[in-house]
Each structure stands twice: as C-alpha cells, then as structure tokens.
C-alpha cells in the first residue's frame, strides 16, 4: 500500500477532534448526511429518524451540535411545516 493510500485510509477512518466529542447518535446522523448529501439537499427529521431507527425528536435534539460544528457539511434548519426540515450542503 502506498503512502497516499494509507493517508487516505487514515483521514476517512479517524474522526476529527470535534467528531470525537459527538455522541454516538450525532455521529450516526452525521454519517448518514454525508452519505446522502450528494443525492439530496433537504432532509426531514422524521425521514432521517426512520432510516436510523430513532425518533424525529431524537434527531431534532441531536442536530444543533452538528449545525454549530466545524464538520465538512453546512447544516441549516430550514422549515417547520409538518416537521423540521434541514438543508445540508457539502
């Protein structure tokens, strides 16, 4: 394995300092958003919850630390009609 390949593996496998401070639920939500951000921009808390086996309330409670964080995504609370919607961009 080349040095570049090892560096690539380490950068994807190791959390950043901030991510180390996230709860397990927050890391799961962040991982889900990273996987899906190329396919969609708007996410409803209810639909994230369904995908991750959480309640919409759990998602809503765990999103603010991600919104305020220095992660590689921009996350913004977008709408409230029929549940909270989040705008996520890479």
Foldseek 3Di string as FASTA:
>chain_A
DDPVVVVVVCVVPDDDPLVVPADPVLVLLVVVCVVCQVPDFKDFLCVSCVVVVHHSVVSVVNCVVVCPDPDPKHWDFDDQVPGTMIGIHD
